[in-house]
Amino acid sequence: MKVLYIYAHQEPKSFNAALKETALAALKEKGHEVKLSDLYAMNFNPVLTEKDFTDRKKPDIFKPFFEAIQATKTGAFAPDILAEMEKVKWADLLIFQFPIYFTSMPAIMKGWIDRVLAPGFGFNPITNSAYDTGLFKGKSAILAFTTGSPKETYSEGGAHGDVHKHLESITHCIFEFMGMEVLPSFVVYEASSMTKERGAEELERYRHRILDL
C-alpha cells in the first residue's frame, strides 16, 4: 500500500512527533511505501493567493475557483502545489495527524487541503463527481489527532460536544465528498497532561492500529 502521511506539529520533541515516528516505523515494518508531508518542517504556505497559479485565465480579477479548474487542465499550479498533488495521486491512503485547535485541525493543514485538493483535482463541479462518484474513489483517509481536554469534554453532552461530529466538516464534507473512504479516527485525549507511562501505552496503541491497517 502507498501511504501519504500529512503531519502538522511545530515541535520535533512533542508527543505528536513521537506518534508520527511510531506510525512511520510501523508502516515501513509492514512493507508499505510511505511519503511524508511534514507541513511545518516544509514551511508549507497555507494561504491560497493568485501566486498559486502560474498562468492566469483572468489576470484582471482573481477567482480562485475558476483558476483552479483551468490549472487542473493546463498544469499551471505553483510548484509546491504540484508536488503535493503528485503525492496525493500516488497514494492509496492519506493519514492526517495533528493536534486539535479550536475543535478542528491547525490552519496550516486546512490550508494544505484548500490549496492541494483544489477544484478540478479533488472534485469536478462540472461533471458533478462527488461522494460515490468522487474523483478520489478507491483512496482512503484517516484522521489521527490529540486533544488537550479529556474525552468527557469532547463527547456527546460534554462541554465541547462530540469531536467526531465537529470533524465531519473534514471527514464527510471533504474526504467523502471527494470519493474517499474514511476509516475510523485515532484519538489521544488529554495528551498535554499524560504521564510518561500512559504516553507509552498510547504510542503502542497507535502502533497496533497502524499495523492492523
N, C-alpha and C. Protein backbone atom coordinates (compact mmCIF):
# COMPACT_ATOMS: atom_id res chain seq x y z
N MET A 1 0.84 -1.19 0.00
CA MET A 1 0.00 0.00 0.00
C MET A 1 0.89 1.25 0.00
N LYS A 2 0.42 2.28 -0.69
CA LYS A 2 1.13 3.56 -0.75
C LYS A 2 0.46 4.55 0.19
N VAL A 3 1.21 5.08 1.14
CA VAL A 3 0.65 5.91 2.20
C VAL A 3 1.28 7.30 2.17
N LEU A 4 0.44 8.32 2.11
CA LEU A 4 0.88 9.71 2.27
C LEU A 4 0.53 10.16 3.68
N TYR A 5 1.55 10.55 4.45
CA TYR A 5 1.36 10.96 5.84
C TYR A 5 1.48 12.47 5.91
N ILE A 6 0.36 13.15 6.16
CA ILE A 6 0.35 14.61 6.24
C ILE A 6 0.32 14.98 7.72
N TYR A 7 1.35 15.71 8.15
CA TYR A 7 1.60 15.90 9.58
C TYR A 7 1.74 17.39 9.89
N ALA A 8 1.11 17.82 10.99
CA ALA A 8 1.18 19.23 11.39
C ALA A 8 1.44 19.36 12.89
N HIS A 9 2.68 19.55 13.24
CA HIS A 9 3.05 19.96 14.61
C HIS A 9 4.41 20.63 14.54
N GLN A 10 4.58 21.68 15.33
CA GLN A 10 5.79 22.50 15.23
C GLN A 10 7.00 21.92 15.94
N GLU A 11 6.78 21.09 16.97
CA GLU A 11 7.87 20.72 17.88
C GLU A 11 8.35 19.29 17.62
N PRO A 12 9.61 19.10 17.21
CA PRO A 12 10.15 17.76 16.96
C PRO A 12 10.23 16.87 18.20
N LYS A 13 10.18 17.47 19.40
CA LYS A 13 10.27 16.68 20.63
C LYS A 13 8.90 16.44 21.26
N SER A 14 7.84 16.76 20.55
CA SER A 14 6.49 16.66 21.10
C SER A 14 5.97 15.23 21.09
N PHE A 15 4.88 15.01 21.80
CA PHE A 15 4.21 13.71 21.76
C PHE A 15 3.67 13.44 20.36
N ASN A 16 3.18 14.50 19.70
CA ASN A 16 2.71 14.32 18.32
C ASN A 16 3.83 13.83 17.42
N ALA A 17 5.03 14.36 17.62
CA ALA A 17 6.18 13.89 16.83
C ALA A 17 6.46 12.42 17.09
N ALA A 18 6.32 12.01 18.35
CA ALA A 18 6.52 10.60 18.70
C ALA A 18 5.46 9.72 18.04
N LEU A 19 4.22 10.21 17.99
CA LEU A 19 3.15 9.48 17.29
C LEU A 19 3.50 9.31 15.81
N LYS A 20 3.95 10.39 15.21
CA LYS A 20 4.31 10.35 13.79
C LYS A 20 5.42 9.35 13.52
N GLU A 21 6.47 9.39 14.33
CA GLU A 21 7.60 8.47 14.14
C GLU A 21 7.16 7.02 14.36
N THR A 22 6.28 6.81 15.33
CA THR A 22 5.74 5.47 15.59
C THR A 22 4.99 4.95 14.36
N ALA A 23 4.17 5.81 13.78
CA ALA A 23 3.40 5.41 12.60
C ALA A 23 4.29 5.11 11.41
N LEU A 24 5.27 5.97 11.16
CA LEU A 24 6.16 5.77 10.00
C LEU A 24 6.94 4.46 10.14
N ALA A 25 7.40 4.18 11.35
CA ALA A 25 8.14 2.93 11.58
C ALA A 25 7.23 1.72 11.37
N ALA A 26 6.00 1.79 11.87
CA ALA A 26 5.07 0.67 11.74
C ALA A 26 4.68 0.45 10.28
N LEU A 27 4.48 1.53 9.54
CA LEU A 27 4.14 1.40 8.12
C LEU A 27 5.26 0.72 7.35
N LYS A 28 6.50 1.13 7.64
CA LYS A 28 7.64 0.55 6.95
C LYS A 28 7.85 -0.91 7.38
N GLU A 29 7.56 -1.19 8.65
CA GLU A 29 7.67 -2.57 9.15
C GLU A 29 6.74 -3.51 8.39
N LYS A 30 5.57 -3.01 8.01
CA LYS A 30 4.60 -3.81 7.28
C LYS A 30 4.87 -3.82 5.77
N GLY A 31 5.89 -3.10 5.33
CA GLY A 31 6.25 -3.12 3.93
C GLY A 31 5.51 -2.12 3.07
N HIS A 32 4.80 -1.17 3.69
CA HIS A 32 4.11 -0.15 2.92
C HIS A 32 5.10 0.89 2.40
N GLU A 33 4.79 1.48 1.27
CA GLU A 33 5.56 2.62 0.77
C GLU A 33 5.01 3.88 1.42
N VAL A 34 5.89 4.77 1.85
CA VAL A 34 5.45 5.94 2.61
C VAL A 34 6.09 7.21 2.08
N LYS A 35 5.27 8.26 1.97
CA LYS A 35 5.77 9.62 1.72
C LYS A 35 5.24 10.51 2.82
N LEU A 36 6.07 11.44 3.29
CA LEU A 36 5.73 12.31 4.40
C LEU A 36 5.65 13.76 3.93
N SER A 37 4.57 14.43 4.30
CA SER A 37 4.47 15.88 4.16
C SER A 37 4.42 16.46 5.56
N ASP A 38 5.59 16.87 6.07
CA ASP A 38 5.71 17.48 7.40
C ASP A 38 5.55 18.98 7.20
N LEU A 39 4.34 19.48 7.38
CA LEU A 39 3.99 20.81 6.89
C LEU A 39 4.79 21.95 7.52
N TYR A 40 5.00 21.90 8.83
CA TYR A 40 5.79 22.96 9.47
C TYR A 40 7.26 22.86 9.05
N ALA A 41 7.79 21.66 8.99
CA ALA A 41 9.19 21.48 8.59
C ALA A 41 9.40 21.94 7.14
N MET A 42 8.37 21.80 6.32
CA MET A 42 8.44 22.22 4.92
C MET A 42 8.23 23.72 4.75
N ASN A 43 7.82 24.39 5.85
CA ASN A 43 7.39 25.79 5.75
C ASN A 43 6.29 25.93 4.71
N PHE A 44 5.36 24.98 4.73
CA PHE A 44 4.28 25.00 3.75
C PHE A 44 3.44 26.25 3.92
N ASN A 45 3.19 26.94 2.82
CA ASN A 45 2.37 28.15 2.84
C ASN A 45 0.90 27.76 2.75
N PRO A 46 0.10 28.03 3.79
CA PRO A 46 -1.30 27.61 3.76
C PRO A 46 -2.24 28.60 3.08
N VAL A 47 -1.71 29.75 2.63
CA VAL A 47 -2.57 30.82 2.13
C VAL A 47 -2.74 30.73 0.61
N LEU A 48 -3.97 30.56 0.17
CA LEU A 48 -4.28 30.49 -1.25
C LEU A 48 -4.30 31.91 -1.82
N THR A 49 -3.44 32.20 -2.79
CA THR A 49 -3.39 33.52 -3.42
C THR A 49 -3.27 33.35 -4.93
N GLU A 50 -3.23 34.46 -5.63
CA GLU A 50 -3.07 34.42 -7.09
C GLU A 50 -1.74 33.81 -7.51
N LYS A 51 -0.75 33.79 -6.59
CA LYS A 51 0.54 33.20 -6.92
C LYS A 51 0.48 31.68 -7.02
N ASP A 52 -0.65 31.10 -6.61
CA ASP A 52 -0.83 29.65 -6.75
C ASP A 52 -0.94 29.23 -8.21
N PHE A 53 -1.15 30.18 -9.09
CA PHE A 53 -1.40 29.87 -10.50
C PHE A 53 -0.39 30.58 -11.38
N THR A 54 0.33 29.80 -12.17
CA THR A 54 1.43 30.36 -12.97
C THR A 54 0.97 30.91 -14.31
N ASP A 55 -0.25 30.58 -14.70
CA ASP A 55 -0.78 31.09 -15.97
C ASP A 55 -2.26 31.39 -15.75
N ARG A 56 -2.55 32.62 -15.42
CA ARG A 56 -3.90 33.01 -15.03
C ARG A 56 -4.86 33.04 -16.22
N LYS A 57 -6.05 32.53 -16.01
CA LYS A 57 -7.10 32.60 -17.03
C LYS A 57 -7.66 34.01 -17.12
N LYS A 58 -7.83 34.65 -15.94
CA LYS A 58 -8.35 36.02 -15.91
C LYS A 58 -7.43 36.86 -15.03
N PRO A 59 -6.37 37.42 -15.59
CA PRO A 59 -5.40 38.18 -14.78
C PRO A 59 -5.94 39.48 -14.20
N ASP A 60 -7.08 39.96 -14.70
CA ASP A 60 -7.61 41.24 -14.23
C ASP A 60 -8.45 41.12 -12.96
N ILE A 61 -8.94 39.89 -12.66
CA ILE A 61 -9.74 39.66 -11.46
C ILE A 61 -9.47 38.25 -10.96
N PHE A 62 -9.27 38.11 -9.65
CA PHE A 62 -8.86 36.82 -9.11
C PHE A 62 -10.07 36.02 -8.64
N LYS A 63 -10.34 34.94 -9.35
CA LYS A 63 -11.41 34.00 -8.98
C LYS A 63 -10.75 32.63 -8.81
N PRO A 64 -10.33 32.31 -7.57
CA PRO A 64 -9.54 31.10 -7.35
C PRO A 64 -10.22 29.82 -7.81
N PHE A 65 -11.52 29.73 -7.65
CA PHE A 65 -12.23 28.51 -8.05
C PHE A 65 -12.03 28.25 -9.55
N PHE A 66 -12.25 29.27 -10.35
CA PHE A 66 -12.14 29.11 -11.80
C PHE A 66 -10.69 28.97 -12.25
N GLU A 67 -9.76 29.64 -11.55
CA GLU A 67 -8.35 29.48 -11.88
C GLU A 67 -7.89 28.05 -11.62
N ALA A 68 -8.42 27.44 -10.53
CA ALA A 68 -8.04 26.06 -10.21
C ALA A 68 -8.57 25.09 -11.26
N ILE A 69 -9.79 25.30 -11.73
CA ILE A 69 -10.35 24.45 -12.78
C ILE A 69 -9.46 24.51 -14.02
N GLN A 70 -9.05 25.73 -14.38
CA GLN A 70 -8.20 25.90 -15.56
C GLN A 70 -6.82 25.28 -15.34
N ALA A 71 -6.26 25.50 -14.15
CA ALA A 71 -4.91 24.99 -13.86
C ALA A 71 -4.87 23.47 -13.84
N THR A 72 -5.98 22.84 -13.46
CA THR A 72 -6.04 21.38 -13.49
C THR A 72 -5.89 20.86 -14.93
N LYS A 73 -6.42 21.60 -15.86
CA LYS A 73 -6.33 21.21 -17.28
C LYS A 73 -4.94 21.48 -17.85
N THR A 74 -4.31 22.56 -17.40
CA THR A 74 -3.06 23.01 -18.03
C THR A 74 -1.81 22.71 -17.20
N GLY A 75 -2.00 22.33 -15.92
CA GLY A 75 -0.85 22.11 -15.04
C GLY A 75 -0.25 23.39 -14.51
N ALA A 76 -1.00 24.48 -14.56
CA ALA A 76 -0.46 25.80 -14.20
C ALA A 76 -0.60 26.11 -12.71
N PHE A 77 -0.34 25.12 -11.86
CA PHE A 77 -0.29 25.35 -10.42
C PHE A 77 1.15 25.69 -10.02
N ALA A 78 1.30 26.38 -8.90
CA ALA A 78 2.63 26.66 -8.35
C ALA A 78 3.35 25.34 -8.05
N PRO A 79 4.68 25.32 -8.12
CA PRO A 79 5.44 24.07 -7.93
C PRO A 79 5.15 23.34 -6.62
N ASP A 80 4.96 24.09 -5.51
CA ASP A 80 4.71 23.41 -4.24
C ASP A 80 3.38 22.69 -4.24
N ILE A 81 2.39 23.23 -4.94
CA ILE A 81 1.09 22.56 -5.04
C ILE A 81 1.21 21.32 -5.92
N LEU A 82 1.86 21.46 -7.05
CA LEU A 82 2.02 20.32 -7.96
C LEU A 82 2.73 19.15 -7.28
N ALA A 83 3.74 19.46 -6.46
CA ALA A 83 4.48 18.40 -5.76
C ALA A 83 3.57 17.63 -4.81
N GLU A 84 2.70 18.36 -4.10
CA GLU A 84 1.78 17.68 -3.18
C GLU A 84 0.70 16.92 -3.93
N MET A 85 0.24 17.47 -5.04
CA MET A 85 -0.75 16.78 -5.86
C MET A 85 -0.22 15.44 -6.37
N GLU A 86 1.05 15.43 -6.75
CA GLU A 86 1.66 14.18 -7.21
C GLU A 86 1.67 13.14 -6.10
N LYS A 87 1.92 13.56 -4.87
CA LYS A 87 1.89 12.64 -3.73
C LYS A 87 0.48 12.08 -3.54
N VAL A 88 -0.52 12.95 -3.65
CA VAL A 88 -1.91 12.51 -3.47
C VAL A 88 -2.29 11.52 -4.56
N LYS A 89 -1.94 11.80 -5.80
CA LYS A 89 -2.25 10.88 -6.91
C LYS A 89 -1.60 9.51 -6.69
N TRP A 90 -0.40 9.53 -6.13
CA TRP A 90 0.37 8.31 -5.88
C TRP A 90 -0.24 7.46 -4.78
N ALA A 91 -0.84 8.09 -3.78
CA ALA A 91 -1.22 7.42 -2.53
C ALA A 91 -2.52 6.62 -2.64
N ASP A 92 -2.55 5.50 -1.91
CA ASP A 92 -3.79 4.74 -1.69
C ASP A 92 -4.49 5.23 -0.42
N LEU A 93 -3.69 5.61 0.57
CA LEU A 93 -4.19 6.02 1.88
C LEU A 93 -3.54 7.33 2.29
N LEU A 94 -4.35 8.27 2.78
CA LEU A 94 -3.85 9.54 3.33
C LEU A 94 -4.12 9.55 4.82
N ILE A 95 -3.07 9.74 5.61
CA ILE A 95 -3.21 9.86 7.07
C ILE A 95 -2.90 11.31 7.45
N PHE A 96 -3.85 11.96 8.11
CA PHE A 96 -3.69 13.34 8.56
C PHE A 96 -3.52 13.32 10.08
N GLN A 97 -2.36 13.75 10.56
CA GLN A 97 -2.12 13.77 12.01
C GLN A 97 -1.86 15.18 12.49
N PHE A 98 -2.51 15.53 13.61
CA PHE A 98 -2.47 16.92 14.10
C PHE A 98 -3.01 17.01 15.52
N PRO A 99 -2.70 18.10 16.23
CA PRO A 99 -3.37 18.40 17.49
C PRO A 99 -4.64 19.21 17.20
N ILE A 100 -5.66 19.01 18.00
CA ILE A 100 -6.90 19.78 17.82
C ILE A 100 -6.67 21.24 18.22
N TYR A 101 -7.02 22.14 17.31
CA TYR A 101 -7.02 23.59 17.58
C TYR A 101 -8.46 24.08 17.42
N PHE A 102 -9.07 24.55 18.52
CA PHE A 102 -10.44 25.06 18.45
C PHE A 102 -11.37 24.10 17.71
N THR A 103 -11.35 22.85 18.15
CA THR A 103 -12.20 21.76 17.65
C THR A 103 -11.98 21.42 16.18
N SER A 104 -10.82 21.79 15.62
CA SER A 104 -10.53 21.42 14.25
C SER A 104 -9.03 21.24 14.07
N MET A 105 -8.59 21.11 12.83
CA MET A 105 -7.17 20.95 12.54
C MET A 105 -6.47 22.30 12.48
N PRO A 106 -5.15 22.36 12.64
CA PRO A 106 -4.43 23.62 12.53
C PRO A 106 -4.59 24.25 11.15
N ALA A 107 -4.46 25.56 11.10
CA ALA A 107 -4.66 26.31 9.86
C ALA A 107 -3.73 25.84 8.75
N ILE A 108 -2.51 25.45 9.10
CA ILE A 108 -1.56 25.04 8.07
C ILE A 108 -2.04 23.79 7.34
N MET A 109 -2.73 22.89 8.07
CA MET A 109 -3.24 21.68 7.43
C MET A 109 -4.50 21.98 6.62
N LYS A 110 -5.38 22.82 7.15
CA LYS A 110 -6.56 23.22 6.37
C LYS A 110 -6.11 23.95 5.11
N GLY A 111 -5.05 24.76 5.22
CA GLY A 111 -4.53 25.44 4.04
C GLY A 111 -3.98 24.47 3.01
N TRP A 112 -3.37 23.38 3.49
CA TRP A 112 -2.91 22.32 2.57
C TRP A 112 -4.10 21.77 1.80
N ILE A 113 -5.19 21.50 2.49
CA ILE A 113 -6.40 21.00 1.83
C ILE A 113 -6.93 22.01 0.83
N ASP A 114 -7.01 23.29 1.24
CA ASP A 114 -7.54 24.33 0.36
C ASP A 114 -6.73 24.46 -0.92
N ARG A 115 -5.41 24.39 -0.80
CA ARG A 115 -4.55 24.62 -1.96
C ARG A 115 -4.33 23.36 -2.80
N VAL A 116 -4.20 22.21 -2.14
CA VAL A 116 -3.83 20.98 -2.86
C VAL A 116 -5.06 20.23 -3.40
N LEU A 117 -6.10 20.08 -2.60
CA LEU A 117 -7.29 19.35 -3.04
C LEU A 117 -8.22 20.32 -3.77
N ALA A 118 -7.70 20.93 -4.79
CA ALA A 118 -8.33 22.05 -5.48
C ALA A 118 -9.47 21.61 -6.39
N PRO A 119 -10.39 22.54 -6.69
CA PRO A 119 -11.43 22.23 -7.68
C PRO A 119 -10.81 21.77 -9.00
N GLY A 120 -11.37 20.71 -9.54
CA GLY A 120 -10.81 20.14 -10.76
C GLY A 120 -9.88 18.99 -10.46
N PHE A 121 -9.16 19.07 -9.35
CA PHE A 121 -8.26 17.99 -8.93
C PHE A 121 -8.93 17.11 -7.88
N GLY A 122 -9.41 17.71 -6.80
CA GLY A 122 -10.06 16.94 -5.74
C GLY A 122 -11.51 16.61 -6.05
N PHE A 123 -12.16 17.45 -6.83
CA PHE A 123 -13.55 17.22 -7.22
C PHE A 123 -13.81 17.96 -8.52
N ASN A 124 -14.83 17.51 -9.24
CA ASN A 124 -15.13 18.11 -10.53
C ASN A 124 -16.55 18.68 -10.50
N PRO A 125 -16.68 19.99 -10.31
CA PRO A 125 -18.02 20.59 -10.23
C PRO A 125 -18.76 20.56 -11.56
N ILE A 126 -18.04 20.39 -12.64
CA ILE A 126 -18.67 20.40 -13.96
C ILE A 126 -19.43 19.10 -14.21
N THR A 127 -18.81 17.97 -13.82
CA THR A 127 -19.45 16.67 -14.04
C THR A 127 -20.19 16.16 -12.80
N ASN A 128 -20.22 16.98 -11.75
CA ASN A 128 -20.89 16.57 -10.50
C ASN A 128 -20.29 15.30 -9.92
N SER A 129 -18.98 15.13 -10.06
CA SER A 129 -18.31 13.95 -9.49
C SER A 129 -18.12 14.16 -8.00
N ALA A 130 -18.92 13.47 -7.20
CA ALA A 130 -18.86 13.63 -5.75
C ALA A 130 -19.40 12.39 -5.06
N TYR A 131 -18.93 12.20 -3.82
CA TYR A 131 -19.35 11.07 -2.99
C TYR A 131 -19.13 9.74 -3.73
N ASP A 132 -20.16 9.01 -4.11
CA ASP A 132 -19.97 7.69 -4.72
C ASP A 132 -19.24 7.74 -6.05
N THR A 133 -19.27 8.90 -6.70
CA THR A 133 -18.58 9.04 -7.99
C THR A 133 -17.42 10.04 -7.88
N GLY A 134 -16.91 10.24 -6.66
CA GLY A 134 -15.85 11.21 -6.44
C GLY A 134 -14.55 10.84 -7.15
N LEU A 135 -13.75 11.85 -7.43
CA LEU A 135 -12.51 11.65 -8.18
C LEU A 135 -11.50 10.80 -7.41
N PHE A 136 -11.61 10.77 -6.08
CA PHE A 136 -10.66 10.00 -5.27
C PHE A 136 -11.24 8.67 -4.81
N LYS A 137 -12.24 8.19 -5.51
CA LYS A 137 -12.81 6.87 -5.18
C LYS A 137 -11.71 5.82 -5.30
N GLY A 138 -11.60 4.95 -4.31
CA GLY A 138 -10.53 3.96 -4.26
C GLY A 138 -9.44 4.33 -3.28
N LYS A 139 -9.41 5.60 -2.88
CA LYS A 139 -8.46 6.03 -1.85
C LYS A 139 -9.16 6.05 -0.49
N SER A 140 -8.37 6.02 0.57
CA SER A 140 -8.91 6.09 1.93
C SER A 140 -8.21 7.19 2.71
N ALA A 141 -8.83 7.64 3.79
CA ALA A 141 -8.26 8.68 4.64
C ALA A 141 -8.53 8.36 6.11
N ILE A 142 -7.58 8.75 6.95
CA ILE A 142 -7.70 8.59 8.40
C ILE A 142 -7.27 9.90 9.06
N LEU A 143 -7.98 10.29 10.10
CA LEU A 143 -7.53 11.37 10.97
C LEU A 143 -6.92 10.75 12.23
N ALA A 144 -5.74 11.22 12.61
CA ALA A 144 -5.11 10.83 13.87
C ALA A 144 -4.81 12.13 14.61
N PHE A 145 -5.40 12.31 15.78
CA PHE A 145 -5.25 13.61 16.43
C PHE A 145 -5.22 13.50 17.95
N THR A 146 -4.72 14.56 18.56
CA THR A 146 -4.66 14.65 20.02
C THR A 146 -5.50 15.84 20.48
N THR A 147 -6.00 15.73 21.71
CA THR A 147 -6.72 16.85 22.31
C THR A 147 -6.07 17.21 23.64
N GLY A 148 -6.29 18.44 24.06
CA GLY A 148 -5.83 18.85 25.38
C GLY A 148 -6.85 18.50 26.45
N SER A 149 -8.11 18.50 26.07
CA SER A 149 -9.19 18.23 27.02
C SER A 149 -9.47 16.74 27.12
N PRO A 150 -10.08 16.30 28.23
CA PRO A 150 -10.40 14.87 28.40
C PRO A 150 -11.53 14.42 27.49
N LYS A 151 -11.68 13.12 27.37
CA LYS A 151 -12.68 12.53 26.47
C LYS A 151 -14.09 13.01 26.82
N GLU A 152 -14.37 13.14 28.12
CA GLU A 152 -15.71 13.55 28.55
C GLU A 152 -16.08 14.92 27.98
N THR A 153 -15.11 15.81 27.90
CA THR A 153 -15.35 17.15 27.39
C THR A 153 -15.67 17.13 25.91
N TYR A 154 -15.04 16.20 25.18
CA TYR A 154 -15.22 16.11 23.73
C TYR A 154 -16.19 15.01 23.33
N SER A 155 -17.12 14.65 24.23
CA SER A 155 -18.12 13.63 23.94
C SER A 155 -19.50 14.26 23.85
N GLU A 156 -20.46 13.51 23.32
CA GLU A 156 -21.83 13.99 23.26
C GLU A 156 -22.30 14.37 24.66
N GLY A 157 -22.79 15.58 24.82
CA GLY A 157 -23.22 16.06 26.13
C GLY A 157 -22.12 16.74 26.91
N GLY A 158 -20.87 16.63 26.46
CA GLY A 158 -19.76 17.31 27.12
C GLY A 158 -19.71 18.77 26.75
N ALA A 159 -18.83 19.51 27.42
CA ALA A 159 -18.77 20.96 27.23
C ALA A 159 -18.51 21.35 25.78
N HIS A 160 -17.63 20.63 25.11
CA HIS A 160 -17.29 20.95 23.72
C HIS A 160 -18.16 20.22 22.71
N GLY A 161 -18.80 19.14 23.12
CA GLY A 161 -19.55 18.32 22.18
C GLY A 161 -18.67 17.27 21.53
N ASP A 162 -19.27 16.39 20.77
CA ASP A 162 -18.59 15.26 20.17
C ASP A 162 -17.57 15.74 19.12
N VAL A 163 -16.29 15.49 19.38
CA VAL A 163 -15.24 15.96 18.47
C VAL A 163 -15.38 15.33 17.09
N HIS A 164 -15.89 14.11 17.01
CA HIS A 164 -16.07 13.45 15.71
C HIS A 164 -17.11 14.18 14.86
N LYS A 165 -18.14 14.72 15.52
CA LYS A 165 -19.14 15.50 14.79
C LYS A 165 -18.54 16.82 14.30
N HIS A 166 -17.71 17.44 15.15
CA HIS A 166 -17.04 18.68 14.71
C HIS A 166 -16.23 18.43 13.45
N LEU A 167 -15.58 17.28 13.39
CA LEU A 167 -14.68 16.98 12.29
C LEU A 167 -15.38 16.42 11.06
N GLU A 168 -16.70 16.29 11.11
CA GLU A 168 -17.42 15.84 9.92
C GLU A 168 -17.31 16.84 8.78
N SER A 169 -17.02 18.11 9.10
CA SER A 169 -16.79 19.09 8.03
C SER A 169 -15.56 18.71 7.21
N ILE A 170 -14.66 17.92 7.83
CA ILE A 170 -13.49 17.41 7.12
C ILE A 170 -13.77 16.01 6.57
N THR A 171 -14.17 15.10 7.46
CA THR A 171 -14.30 13.69 7.05
C THR A 171 -15.40 13.48 6.03
N HIS A 172 -16.53 14.14 6.23
CA HIS A 172 -17.66 13.94 5.31
C HIS A 172 -17.65 14.94 4.16
N CYS A 173 -17.56 16.23 4.51
CA CYS A 173 -17.75 17.27 3.50
C CYS A 173 -16.53 17.48 2.61
N ILE A 174 -15.39 16.91 3.00
CA ILE A 174 -14.21 16.98 2.13
C ILE A 174 -13.84 15.58 1.63
N PHE A 175 -13.44 14.70 2.55
CA PHE A 175 -12.90 13.40 2.13
C PHE A 175 -13.96 12.53 1.45
N GLU A 176 -15.10 12.33 2.10
CA GLU A 176 -16.15 11.51 1.48
C GLU A 176 -16.73 12.21 0.25
N PHE A 177 -16.82 13.52 0.29
CA PHE A 177 -17.28 14.29 -0.88
C PHE A 177 -16.39 14.00 -2.09
N MET A 178 -15.09 13.83 -1.85
CA MET A 178 -14.15 13.57 -2.94
C MET A 178 -14.07 12.09 -3.31
N GLY A 179 -14.88 11.27 -2.65
CA GLY A 179 -14.95 9.85 -3.01
C GLY A 179 -14.14 8.93 -2.13
N MET A 180 -13.40 9.48 -1.18
CA MET A 180 -12.56 8.63 -0.33
C MET A 180 -13.38 7.89 0.72
N GLU A 181 -12.89 6.72 1.09
CA GLU A 181 -13.44 6.00 2.24
C GLU A 181 -12.75 6.54 3.49
N VAL A 182 -13.54 6.94 4.48
CA VAL A 182 -12.98 7.46 5.72
C VAL A 182 -12.95 6.36 6.76
N LEU A 183 -11.76 6.01 7.21
CA LEU A 183 -11.59 4.98 8.23
C LEU A 183 -11.71 5.62 9.62
N PRO A 184 -12.03 4.84 10.65
CA PRO A 184 -12.20 5.41 12.00
C PRO A 184 -10.96 6.18 12.46
N SER A 185 -11.21 7.31 13.08
CA SER A 185 -10.12 8.17 13.56
C SER A 185 -9.39 7.52 14.73
N PHE A 186 -8.13 7.92 14.90
CA PHE A 186 -7.36 7.54 16.08
C PHE A 186 -7.22 8.79 16.94
N VAL A 187 -7.63 8.70 18.22
CA VAL A 187 -7.64 9.87 19.09
C VAL A 187 -6.88 9.60 20.38
N VAL A 188 -6.06 10.56 20.79
CA VAL A 188 -5.46 10.54 22.13
C VAL A 188 -5.98 11.76 22.86
N TYR A 189 -6.82 11.53 23.86
CA TYR A 189 -7.40 12.62 24.64
C TYR A 189 -6.45 13.05 25.76
N GLU A 190 -6.56 14.32 26.12
CA GLU A 190 -5.84 14.88 27.28
C GLU A 190 -4.33 14.65 27.15
N ALA A 191 -3.81 14.82 25.94
CA ALA A 191 -2.40 14.49 25.68
C ALA A 191 -1.44 15.39 26.45
N SER A 192 -1.85 16.62 26.72
CA SER A 192 -0.93 17.57 27.35
C SER A 192 -0.66 17.28 28.82
N SER A 193 -1.47 16.42 29.42
CA SER A 193 -1.28 16.13 30.85
C SER A 193 -1.06 14.64 31.11
N MET A 194 -0.63 13.90 30.10
CA MET A 194 -0.41 12.46 30.26
C MET A 194 0.83 12.17 31.09
N THR A 195 0.79 11.05 31.79
CA THR A 195 2.01 10.54 32.42
C THR A 195 2.87 9.89 31.33
N LYS A 196 4.14 9.68 31.65
CA LYS A 196 5.04 9.02 30.72
C LYS A 196 4.54 7.61 30.39
N GLU A 197 4.00 6.93 31.42
CA GLU A 197 3.53 5.57 31.24
C GLU A 197 2.34 5.52 30.29
N ARG A 198 1.41 6.46 30.48
CA ARG A 198 0.25 6.47 29.58
C ARG A 198 0.67 6.87 28.17
N GLY A 199 1.62 7.77 28.06
CA GLY A 199 2.13 8.15 26.74
C GLY A 199 2.67 6.95 25.99
N ALA A 200 3.44 6.11 26.70
CA ALA A 200 3.99 4.90 26.08
C ALA A 200 2.88 3.95 25.65
N GLU A 201 1.83 3.84 26.47
CA GLU A 201 0.69 2.99 26.13
C GLU A 201 -0.02 3.49 24.88
N GLU A 202 -0.18 4.82 24.78
CA GLU A 202 -0.85 5.38 23.60
C GLU A 202 -0.02 5.20 22.34
N LEU A 203 1.28 5.32 22.46
CA LEU A 203 2.15 5.07 21.30
C LEU A 203 2.03 3.63 20.84
N GLU A 204 1.97 2.70 21.78
CA GLU A 204 1.83 1.29 21.43
C GLU A 204 0.45 1.02 20.81
N ARG A 205 -0.56 1.69 21.33
CA ARG A 205 -1.91 1.54 20.77
C ARG A 205 -1.94 2.04 19.33
N TYR A 206 -1.26 3.15 19.08
CA TYR A 206 -1.22 3.69 17.71
C TYR A 206 -0.42 2.76 16.79
N ARG A 207 0.66 2.22 17.32
CA ARG A 207 1.47 1.29 16.53
C ARG A 207 0.62 0.11 16.06
N HIS A 208 -0.17 -0.43 16.96
CA HIS A 208 -1.01 -1.58 16.60
C HIS A 208 -2.10 -1.18 15.62
N ARG A 209 -2.62 0.02 15.77
CA ARG A 209 -3.65 0.50 14.82
C ARG A 209 -3.06 0.59 13.42
N ILE A 210 -1.84 1.10 13.31
CA ILE A 210 -1.19 1.22 12.01
C ILE A 210 -0.85 -0.16 11.44
N LEU A 211 -0.37 -1.06 12.30
CA LEU A 211 -0.03 -2.41 11.83
C LEU A 211 -1.27 -3.16 11.34
N ASP A 212 -2.43 -2.81 11.90
CA ASP A 212 -3.66 -3.51 11.55
C ASP A 212 -4.34 -2.96 10.30
N LEU A 213 -3.78 -1.92 9.70
CA LEU A 213 -4.40 -1.34 8.51
C LEU A 213 -4.53 -2.38 7.41
